[in-house]
Amino acid sequence: MRRISGALSAIIGTIVSIITLPLRVIQRLLTPGRGRTRSRRRAV
């Protein structure tokens, strides 16, 4: 069970990172001023 949960968490982490990377780039292009404040809030 632990191995399965670990694998799932790793897969989900990679998928989330792949999806969030382009989204951050798009947000920066659309809103260069607001993007900085949003990125800081999400980081925390």
PDB file of N, CA and C in Angstrom:
ATOM      1  N   MET A   1       0.842  -1.204   0.000  1.00  0.00           N
ATOM      2  CA  MET A   1       0.000   0.000   0.000  1.00  0.00           C
ATOM      3  C   MET A   1       0.880   1.259   0.000  1.00  0.00           C
ATOM      4  N   ARG A   2       1.926   1.228   0.810  1.00  0.00           N
ATOM      5  CA  ARG A   2       2.794   2.412   0.878  1.00  0.00           C
ATOM      6  C   ARG A   2       3.459   2.665  -0.471  1.00  0.00           C
ATOM      7  N   ARG A   3       3.865   1.605  -1.147  1.00  0.00           N
ATOM      8  CA  ARG A   3       4.529   1.789  -2.458  1.00  0.00           C
ATOM      9  C   ARG A   3       3.558   2.401  -3.452  1.00  0.00           C
ATOM     10  N   ILE A   4       2.316   1.924  -3.438  1.00  0.00           N
ATOM     11  CA  ILE A   4       1.322   2.447  -4.386  1.00  0.00           C
ATOM     12  C   ILE A   4       1.069   3.930  -4.098  1.00  0.00           C
ATOM     13  N   SER A   5       0.878   4.276  -2.837  1.00  0.00           N
ATOM     14  CA  SER A   5       0.600   5.675  -2.487  1.00  0.00           C
ATOM     15  C   SER A   5       1.800   6.553  -2.861  1.00  0.00           C
ATOM     16  N   GLY A   6       3.005   6.053  -2.630  1.00  0.00           N
ATOM     17  CA  GLY A   6       4.204   6.823  -2.980  1.00  0.00           C
ATOM     18  C   GLY A   6       4.282   7.059  -4.477  1.00  0.00           C
ATOM     19  N   ALA A   7       3.982   6.021  -5.254  1.00  0.00           N
ATOM     20  CA  ALA A   7       4.030   6.158  -6.713  1.00  0.00           C
ATOM     21  C   ALA A   7       2.974   7.157  -7.179  1.00  0.00           C
ATOM     22  N   LEU A   8       1.777   7.059  -6.608  1.00  0.00           N
ATOM     23  CA  LEU A   8       0.700   7.973  -7.011  1.00  0.00           C
ATOM     24  C   LEU A   8       1.092   9.413  -6.687  1.00  0.00           C
ATOM     25  N   SER A   9       1.622   9.639  -5.503  1.00  0.00           N
ATOM     26  CA  SER A   9       2.013  11.001  -5.106  1.00  0.00           C
ATOM     27  C   SER A   9       3.092  11.535  -6.052  1.00  0.00           C
ATOM     28  N   ALA A  10       4.038  10.678  -6.438  1.00  0.00           N
ATOM     29  CA  ALA A  10       5.116  11.105  -7.340  1.00  0.00           C
ATOM     30  C   ALA A  10       4.542  11.457  -8.709  1.00  0.00           C
ATOM     31  N   ILE A  11       3.633  10.626  -9.204  1.00  0.00           N
ATOM     32  CA  ILE A  11       3.027  10.873 -10.524  1.00  0.00           C
ATOM     33  C   ILE A  11       2.214  12.169 -10.480  1.00  0.00           C
ATOM     34  N   ILE A  12       1.433  12.334  -9.415  1.00  0.00           N
ATOM     35  CA  ILE A  12       0.604  13.540  -9.304  1.00  0.00           C
ATOM     36  C   ILE A  12       1.503  14.775  -9.234  1.00  0.00           C
ATOM     37  N   GLY A  13       2.597  14.673  -8.486  1.00  0.00           N
ATOM     38  CA  GLY A  13       3.516  15.806  -8.361  1.00  0.00           C
ATOM     39  C   GLY A  13       4.080  16.219  -9.712  1.00  0.00           C
ATOM     40  N   THR A  14       4.488  15.233 -10.507  1.00  0.00           N
ATOM     41  CA  THR A  14       5.060  15.541 -11.822  1.00  0.00           C
ATOM     42  C   THR A  14       4.004  16.162 -12.728  1.00  0.00           C
ATOM     43  N   ILE A  15       2.792  15.607 -12.703  1.00  0.00           N
ATOM     44  CA  ILE A  15       1.719  16.132 -13.560  1.00  0.00           C
ATOM     45  C   ILE A  15       1.404  17.573 -13.162  1.00  0.00           C
ATOM     46  N   VAL A  16       1.305  17.813 -11.862  1.00  0.00           N
ATOM     47  CA  VAL A  16       0.975  19.165 -11.383  1.00  0.00           C
ATOM     48  C   VAL A  16       2.057  20.153 -11.820  1.00  0.00           C
ATOM     49  N   SER A  17       3.326  19.759 -11.673  1.00  0.00           N
ATOM     50  CA  SER A  17       4.424  20.661 -12.052  1.00  0.00           C
ATOM     51  C   SER A  17       4.376  20.958 -13.547  1.00  0.00           C
ATOM     52  N   ILE A  18       4.090  19.931 -14.351  1.00  0.00           N
ATOM     53  CA  ILE A  18       4.036  20.122 -15.813  1.00  0.00           C
ATOM     54  C   ILE A  18       2.877  21.053 -16.182  1.00  0.00           C
ATOM     55  N   ILE A  19       1.762  20.945 -15.458  1.00  0.00           N
ATOM     56  CA  ILE A  19       0.587  21.766 -15.780  1.00  0.00           C
ATOM     57  C   ILE A  19       0.772  23.195 -15.261  1.00  0.00           C
ATOM     58  N   THR A  20       1.395  23.337 -14.089  1.00  0.00           N
ATOM     59  CA  THR A  20       1.531  24.670 -13.484  1.00  0.00           C
ATOM     60  C   THR A  20       2.591  25.515 -14.192  1.00  0.00           C
ATOM     61  N   LEU A  21       3.630  24.882 -14.722  1.00  0.00           N
ATOM     62  CA  LEU A  21       4.707  25.645 -15.379  1.00  0.00           C
ATOM     63  C   LEU A  21       4.163  26.502 -16.521  1.00  0.00           C
ATOM     64  N   PRO A  22       3.459  25.939 -17.509  1.00  0.00           N
ATOM     65  CA  PRO A  22       2.925  26.750 -18.612  1.00  0.00           C
ATOM     66  C   PRO A  22       1.886  27.756 -18.128  1.00  0.00           C
ATOM     67  N   LEU A  23       1.100  27.386 -17.115  1.00  0.00           N
ATOM     68  CA  LEU A  23       0.074  28.308 -16.612  1.00  0.00           C
ATOM     69  C   LEU A  23       0.734  29.557 -16.042  1.00  0.00           C
ATOM     70  N   ARG A  24       1.841  29.388 -15.328  1.00  0.00           N
ATOM     71  CA  ARG A  24       2.542  30.544 -14.749  1.00  0.00           C
ATOM     72  C   ARG A  24       3.077  31.440 -15.862  1.00  0.00           C
ATOM     73  N   VAL A  25       3.606  30.835 -16.910  1.00  0.00           N
ATOM     74  CA  VAL A  25       4.150  31.630 -18.026  1.00  0.00           C
ATOM     75  C   VAL A  25       3.029  32.427 -18.684  1.00  0.00           C
ATOM     76  N   ILE A  26       1.876  31.789 -18.874  1.00  0.00           N
ATOM     77  CA  ILE A  26       0.733  32.474 -19.514  1.00  0.00           C
ATOM     78  C   ILE A  26       0.267  33.630 -18.630  1.00  0.00           C
ATOM     79  N   GLN A  27       0.180  33.389 -17.319  1.00  0.00           N
ATOM     80  CA  GLN A  27      -0.271  34.446 -16.408  1.00  0.00           C
ATOM     81  C   GLN A  27       0.698  35.625 -16.443  1.00  0.00           C
ATOM     82  N   ARG A  28       1.995  35.342 -16.516  1.00  0.00           N
ATOM     83  CA  ARG A  28       2.989  36.431 -16.542  1.00  0.00           C
ATOM     84  C   ARG A  28       2.833  37.251 -17.818  1.00  0.00           C
ATOM     85  N   LEU A  29       2.554  36.580 -18.939  1.00  0.00           N
ATOM     86  CA  LEU A  29       2.411  37.296 -20.209  1.00  0.00           C
ATOM     87  C   LEU A  29       1.133  38.143 -20.198  1.00  0.00           C
ATOM     88  N   LEU A  30       0.049  37.578 -19.648  1.00  0.00           N
ATOM     89  CA  LEU A  30      -1.237  38.285 -19.643  1.00  0.00           C
ATOM     90  C   LEU A  30      -1.206  39.433 -18.638  1.00  0.00           C
ATOM     91  N   THR A  31      -0.753  39.139 -17.409  1.00  0.00           N
ATOM     92  CA  THR A  31      -0.748  40.168 -16.365  1.00  0.00           C
ATOM     93  C   THR A  31       0.646  40.264 -15.740  1.00  0.00           C
ATOM     94  N   PRO A  32       1.533  41.094 -16.322  1.00  0.00           N
ATOM     95  CA  PRO A  32       2.892  41.231 -15.792  1.00  0.00           C
ATOM     96  C   PRO A  32       2.899  41.936 -14.433  1.00  0.00           C
ATOM     97  N   GLY A  33       1.931  42.815 -14.190  1.00  0.00           N
ATOM     98  CA  GLY A  33       1.904  43.551 -12.921  1.00  0.00           C
ATOM     99  C   GLY A  33       1.293  42.705 -11.807  1.00  0.00           C
ATOM    100  N   ARG A  34       0.142  42.080 -12.084  1.00  0.00           N
ATOM    101  CA  ARG A  34      -0.534  41.291 -11.048  1.00  0.00           C
ATOM    102  C   ARG A  34       0.134  39.937 -10.860  1.00  0.00           C
ATOM    103  N   GLY A  35       0.825  39.451 -11.873  1.00  0.00           N
ATOM    104  CA  GLY A  35       1.453  38.124 -11.782  1.00  0.00           C
ATOM    105  C   GLY A  35       2.381  38.015 -10.584  1.00  0.00           C
ATOM    106  N   ARG A  36       3.102  39.093 -10.271  1.00  0.00           N
ATOM    107  CA  ARG A  36       4.066  39.016  -9.160  1.00  0.00           C
ATOM    108  C   ARG A  36       3.343  38.807  -7.830  1.00  0.00           C
ATOM    109  N   THR A  37       2.257  39.535  -7.611  1.00  0.00           N
ATOM    110  CA  THR A  37       1.542  39.408  -6.333  1.00  0.00           C
ATOM    111  C   THR A  37       0.893  38.030  -6.228  1.00  0.00           C
ATOM    112  N   ARG A  38       0.354  37.539  -7.326  1.00  0.00           N
ATOM    113  CA  ARG A  38      -0.315  36.226  -7.291  1.00  0.00           C
ATOM    114  C   ARG A  38       0.703  35.128  -7.026  1.00  0.00           C
ATOM    115  N   SER A  39       1.861  35.206  -7.685  1.00  0.00           N
ATOM    116  CA  SER A  39       2.877  34.152  -7.516  1.00  0.00           C
ATOM    117  C   SER A  39       3.309  34.097  -6.052  1.00  0.00           C
ATOM    118  N   ARG A  40       3.443  35.250  -5.412  1.00  0.00           N
ATOM    119  CA  ARG A  40       3.884  35.258  -4.007  1.00  0.00           C
ATOM    120  C   ARG A  40       2.826  34.606  -3.123  1.00  0.00           C
ATOM    121  N   ARG A  41       1.563  34.900  -3.367  1.00  0.00           N
ATOM    122  CA  ARG A  41       0.491  34.319  -2.543  1.00  0.00           C
ATOM    123  C   ARG A  41       0.433  32.805  -2.733  1.00  0.00           C
ATOM    124  N   ARG A  42       0.591  32.341  -3.953  1.00  0.00           N
ATOM    125  CA  ARG A  42       0.516  30.898  -4.225  1.00  0.00           C
ATOM    126  C   ARG A  42       1.720  30.194  -3.605  1.00  0.00           C
ATOM    127  N   ALA A  43       2.884  30.833  -3.661  1.00  0.00           N
ATOM    128  CA  ALA A  43       4.090  30.203  -3.105  1.00  0.00           C
ATOM    129  C   ALA A  43       3.883  29.924  -1.620  1.00  0.00           C
ATOM    130  N   VAL A  44       3.254  30.872  -0.931  1.00  0.00           N
ATOM    131  CA  VAL A  44       3.040  30.691   0.518  1.00  0.00           C
ATOM    132  C   VAL A  44       1.906  29.702   0.689  1.00  0.00           C
TER     133      VAL A  44
END
